Amino acid sequence: MQINKGRKAYDDINITPMVDLCLVLLVIFILMATASVQGIKVDLPKASAAQSLVQPKTIAITVTTDGQIFMDAFPVTLADLEVRLRNAKASNPDVPIVLKGDRVAQYGKITDVLDLCRQLDLNKVGLVTGKPGPTA
């Protein structure tokens, strides 16, 4: 008695689901890699509870150790920063801004940027800090 008459064994593997899974993982990896705010690398101070303000259309302002100001990784003067922030506010009045100041940056430059944001009535300004860690 033959039970498997006319049937043949599975001798090949269907790789279509595996390729679909690989492509989905690739898309997720690409999206996650490009989702962070880009800018200049600075040594951030540590805070116990830092909340993320990363949103679409977030403006990143960075003050380096020597007091140089960057807006979205482009060096700017304080006057140029004012013009660019006015233009950004004209297109979106609630534009979120993240301010990254190096731990040993000139405090006066950081307060100048904060004062400029206050003068332009930009209320969504956040200071970026690093994750808490062991103190050295």
C-alpha atoms as a PDB file:
ATOM      1  CA  MET A   1       0.000   0.000   0.000  1.00  0.00           C
ATOM      2  CA  GLN A   2       1.396   3.372  -1.060  1.00  0.00           C
ATOM      3  CA  ILE A   3       0.290   6.366   0.973  1.00  0.00           C
ATOM      4  CA  ASN A   4       2.334   9.107  -0.691  1.00  0.00           C
ATOM      5  CA  LYS A   5       1.346   8.337  -4.249  1.00  0.00           C
ATOM      6  CA  GLY A   6       1.664  11.445  -6.408  1.00  0.00           C
ATOM      7  CA  ARG A   7       3.199  13.622  -3.654  1.00  0.00           C
ATOM      8  CA  LYS A   8       6.795  14.683  -3.556  1.00  0.00           C
ATOM      9  CA  ALA A   9       8.838  15.635  -0.514  1.00  0.00           C
ATOM     10  CA  TYR A  10       9.775  19.228   0.262  1.00  0.00           C
ATOM     11  CA  ASP A  11      13.345  19.360  -0.881  1.00  0.00           C
ATOM     12  CA  ASP A  12      13.724  23.141  -1.121  1.00  0.00           C
ATOM     13  CA  ILE A  13      13.150  25.941   1.405  1.00  0.00           C
ATOM     14  CA  ASN A  14      10.955  28.939   0.637  1.00  0.00           C
ATOM     15  CA  ILE A  15      13.171  31.943   1.462  1.00  0.00           C
ATOM     16  CA  THR A  16      10.610  34.653   0.663  1.00  0.00           C
ATOM     17  CA  PRO A  17       9.560  35.182   4.333  1.00  0.00           C
ATOM     18  CA  MET A  18      13.205  35.364   5.376  1.00  0.00           C
ATOM     19  CA  VAL A  19      13.966  38.009   2.731  1.00  0.00           C
ATOM     20  CA  ASP A  20      10.888  39.989   3.855  1.00  0.00           C
ATOM     21  CA  LEU A  21      12.082  39.885   7.449  1.00  0.00           C
ATOM     22  CA  CYS A  22      15.592  41.015   6.458  1.00  0.00           C
ATOM     23  CA  LEU A  23      14.210  43.961   4.476  1.00  0.00           C
ATOM     24  CA  VAL A  24      11.954  45.040   7.363  1.00  0.00           C
ATOM     25  CA  LEU A  25      14.897  44.899   9.773  1.00  0.00           C
ATOM     26  CA  LEU A  26      17.009  46.925   7.325  1.00  0.00           C
ATOM     27  CA  VAL A  27      14.335  49.628   7.067  1.00  0.00           C
ATOM     28  CA  ILE A  28      13.997  49.783  10.878  1.00  0.00           C
ATOM     29  CA  PHE A  29      17.776  50.083  11.245  1.00  0.00           C
ATOM     30  CA  ILE A  30      17.961  52.909   8.690  1.00  0.00           C
ATOM     31  CA  LEU A  31      15.128  54.815  10.380  1.00  0.00           C
ATOM     32  CA  MET A  32      16.638  54.454  13.850  1.00  0.00           C
ATOM     33  CA  ALA A  33      20.116  55.454  12.695  1.00  0.00           C
ATOM     34  CA  THR A  34      18.896  58.707  11.135  1.00  0.00           C
ATOM     35  CA  ALA A  35      16.380  59.660  13.861  1.00  0.00           C
ATOM     36  CA  SER A  36      18.792  61.410  16.220  1.00  0.00           C
ATOM     37  CA  VAL A  37      19.630  65.093  16.222  1.00  0.00           C
ATOM     38  CA  GLN A  38      22.907  65.636  14.427  1.00  0.00           C
ATOM     39  CA  GLY A  39      25.427  68.215  15.542  1.00  0.00           C
ATOM     40  CA  ILE A  40      28.836  68.929  16.958  1.00  0.00           C
ATOM     41  CA  LYS A  41      30.296  66.538  19.536  1.00  0.00           C
ATOM     42  CA  VAL A  42      30.604  68.160  22.961  1.00  0.00           C
ATOM     43  CA  ASP A  43      31.177  66.827  26.463  1.00  0.00           C
ATOM     44  CA  LEU A  44      27.722  67.176  28.057  1.00  0.00           C
ATOM     45  CA  PRO A  45      27.178  67.677  31.793  1.00  0.00           C
ATOM     46  CA  LYS A  46      25.373  64.878  33.621  1.00  0.00           C
ATOM     47  CA  ALA A  47      21.830  65.123  35.021  1.00  0.00           C
ATOM     48  CA  SER A  48      19.806  62.717  37.121  1.00  0.00           C
ATOM     49  CA  ALA A  49      16.647  62.865  34.997  1.00  0.00           C
ATOM     50  CA  ALA A  50      17.125  64.070  31.446  1.00  0.00           C
ATOM     51  CA  GLN A  51      14.122  64.084  29.132  1.00  0.00           C
ATOM     52  CA  SER A  52      14.521  63.960  25.397  1.00  0.00           C
ATOM     53  CA  LEU A  53      13.238  66.847  23.281  1.00  0.00           C
ATOM     54  CA  VAL A  54      14.087  65.202  19.994  1.00  0.00           C
ATOM     55  CA  GLN A  55      11.182  65.911  17.661  1.00  0.00           C
ATOM     56  CA  PRO A  56      10.871  66.511  13.960  1.00  0.00           C
ATOM     57  CA  LYS A  57      12.100  69.974  12.933  1.00  0.00           C
ATOM     58  CA  THR A  58      14.086  70.442  16.151  1.00  0.00           C
ATOM     59  CA  ILE A  59      16.806  73.088  15.975  1.00  0.00           C
ATOM     60  CA  ALA A  60      20.073  72.061  17.625  1.00  0.00           C
ATOM     61  CA  ILE A  61      22.263  74.896  18.920  1.00  0.00           C
ATOM     62  CA  THR A  62      25.703  73.943  20.216  1.00  0.00           C
ATOM     63  CA  VAL A  63      28.226  76.008  22.183  1.00  0.00           C
ATOM     64  CA  THR A  64      31.725  74.518  22.128  1.00  0.00           C
ATOM     65  CA  THR A  65      34.497  74.831  24.710  1.00  0.00           C
ATOM     66  CA  ASP A  66      35.990  77.871  22.961  1.00  0.00           C
ATOM     67  CA  GLY A  67      32.606  79.649  22.816  1.00  0.00           C
ATOM     68  CA  GLN A  68      31.877  79.064  19.139  1.00  0.00           C
ATOM     69  CA  ILE A  69      28.157  78.718  18.318  1.00  0.00           C
ATOM     70  CA  PHE A  70      26.795  76.131  15.878  1.00  0.00           C
ATOM     71  CA  MET A  71      23.246  75.832  14.562  1.00  0.00           C
ATOM     72  CA  ASP A  72      22.536  72.366  13.197  1.00  0.00           C
ATOM     73  CA  ALA A  73      26.288  71.712  12.793  1.00  0.00           C
ATOM     74  CA  PHE A  74      26.938  74.984  10.918  1.00  0.00           C
ATOM     75  CA  PRO A  75      29.026  77.712  12.608  1.00  0.00           C
ATOM     76  CA  VAL A  76      27.112  80.967  13.146  1.00  0.00           C
ATOM     77  CA  THR A  77      27.591  84.280  14.903  1.00  0.00           C
ATOM     78  CA  LEU A  78      25.078  85.510  17.455  1.00  0.00           C
ATOM     79  CA  ALA A  79      23.624  87.994  14.935  1.00  0.00           C
ATOM     80  CA  ASP A  80      23.337  85.288  12.272  1.00  0.00           C
ATOM     81  CA  LEU A  81      21.713  82.987  14.829  1.00  0.00           C
ATOM     82  CA  GLU A  82      19.119  85.669  15.562  1.00  0.00           C
ATOM     83  CA  VAL A  83      18.205  85.961  11.874  1.00  0.00           C
ATOM     84  CA  ARG A  84      17.937  82.194  11.470  1.00  0.00           C
ATOM     85  CA  LEU A  85      15.829  81.811  14.610  1.00  0.00           C
ATOM     86  CA  ARG A  86      13.489  84.595  13.449  1.00  0.00           C
ATOM     87  CA  ASN A  87      13.034  82.763  10.138  1.00  0.00           C
ATOM     88  CA  ALA A  88      12.409  79.467  11.937  1.00  0.00           C
ATOM     89  CA  LYS A  89       9.855  81.114  14.222  1.00  0.00           C
ATOM     90  CA  ALA A  90       8.099  82.662  11.228  1.00  0.00           C
ATOM     91  CA  SER A  91       7.554  79.208   9.732  1.00  0.00           C
ATOM     92  CA  ASN A  92       6.718  77.501  13.057  1.00  0.00           C
ATOM     93  CA  PRO A  93       6.017  79.642  16.170  1.00  0.00           C
ATOM     94  CA  ASP A  94       6.380  76.612  18.463  1.00  0.00           C
ATOM     95  CA  VAL A  95       9.692  75.405  17.049  1.00  0.00           C
ATOM     96  CA  PRO A  96      11.535  73.288  19.646  1.00  0.00           C
ATOM     97  CA  ILE A  97      15.168  74.158  20.308  1.00  0.00           C
ATOM     98  CA  VAL A  98      17.784  72.057  22.044  1.00  0.00           C
ATOM     99  CA  LEU A  99      20.833  73.826  23.442  1.00  0.00           C
ATOM    100  CA  LYS A 100      23.975  71.767  23.938  1.00  0.00           C
ATOM    101  CA  GLY A 101      26.759  73.472  25.835  1.00  0.00           C
ATOM    102  CA  ASP A 102      30.055  71.837  26.602  1.00  0.00           C
ATOM    103  CA  ARG A 103      30.673  71.312  30.301  1.00  0.00           C
ATOM    104  CA  VAL A 104      33.585  73.763  30.270  1.00  0.00           C
ATOM    105  CA  ALA A 105      32.060  76.172  27.732  1.00  0.00           C
ATOM    106  CA  GLN A 106      31.937  79.894  28.409  1.00  0.00           C
ATOM    107  CA  TYR A 107      28.843  80.424  30.536  1.00  0.00           C
ATOM    108  CA  GLY A 108      28.309  83.875  29.026  1.00  0.00           C
ATOM    109  CA  LYS A 109      27.870  82.455  25.520  1.00  0.00           C
ATOM    110  CA  ILE A 110      25.230  79.990  26.712  1.00  0.00           C
ATOM    111  CA  THR A 111      23.319  82.752  28.517  1.00  0.00           C
ATOM    112  CA  ASP A 112      23.575  84.935  25.389  1.00  0.00           C
ATOM    113  CA  VAL A 113      21.866  82.188  23.377  1.00  0.00           C
ATOM    114  CA  LEU A 114      19.215  81.709  26.075  1.00  0.00           C
ATOM    115  CA  ASP A 115      18.593  85.474  26.228  1.00  0.00           C
ATOM    116  CA  LEU A 116      18.231  85.582  22.447  1.00  0.00           C
ATOM    117  CA  CYS A 117      15.645  82.790  22.567  1.00  0.00           C
ATOM    118  CA  ARG A 118      13.760  84.661  25.299  1.00  0.00           C
ATOM    119  CA  GLN A 119      13.845  87.929  23.308  1.00  0.00           C
ATOM    120  CA  LEU A 120      12.417  86.110  20.277  1.00  0.00           C
ATOM    121  CA  ASP A 121       9.714  84.590  22.516  1.00  0.00           C
ATOM    122  CA  LEU A 122      10.850  81.032  21.794  1.00  0.00           C
ATOM    123  CA  ASN A 123       9.477  79.068  24.732  1.00  0.00           C
ATOM    124  CA  LYS A 124      10.357  75.499  23.807  1.00  0.00           C
ATOM    125  CA  VAL A 125      14.051  75.572  24.672  1.00  0.00           C
ATOM    126  CA  GLY A 126      15.665  72.575  26.322  1.00  0.00           C
ATOM    127  CA  LEU A 127      19.166  72.111  27.715  1.00  0.00           C
ATOM    128  CA  VAL A 128      20.751  68.815  26.723  1.00  0.00           C
ATOM    129  CA  THR A 129      22.544  66.839  29.419  1.00  0.00           C
ATOM    130  CA  GLY A 130      24.259  63.501  29.384  1.00  0.00           C
ATOM    131  CA  LYS A 131      23.152  60.379  31.185  1.00  0.00           C
ATOM    132  CA  PRO A 132      24.254  60.154  34.815  1.00  0.00           C
ATOM    133  CA  GLY A 133      27.342  58.142  35.362  1.00  0.00           C
ATOM    134  CA  PRO A 134      30.240  57.723  37.749  1.00  0.00           C
ATOM    135  CA  THR A 135      31.912  60.984  38.653  1.00  0.00           C
ATOM    136  CA  ALA A 136      35.597  61.150  37.944  1.00  0.00           C
END
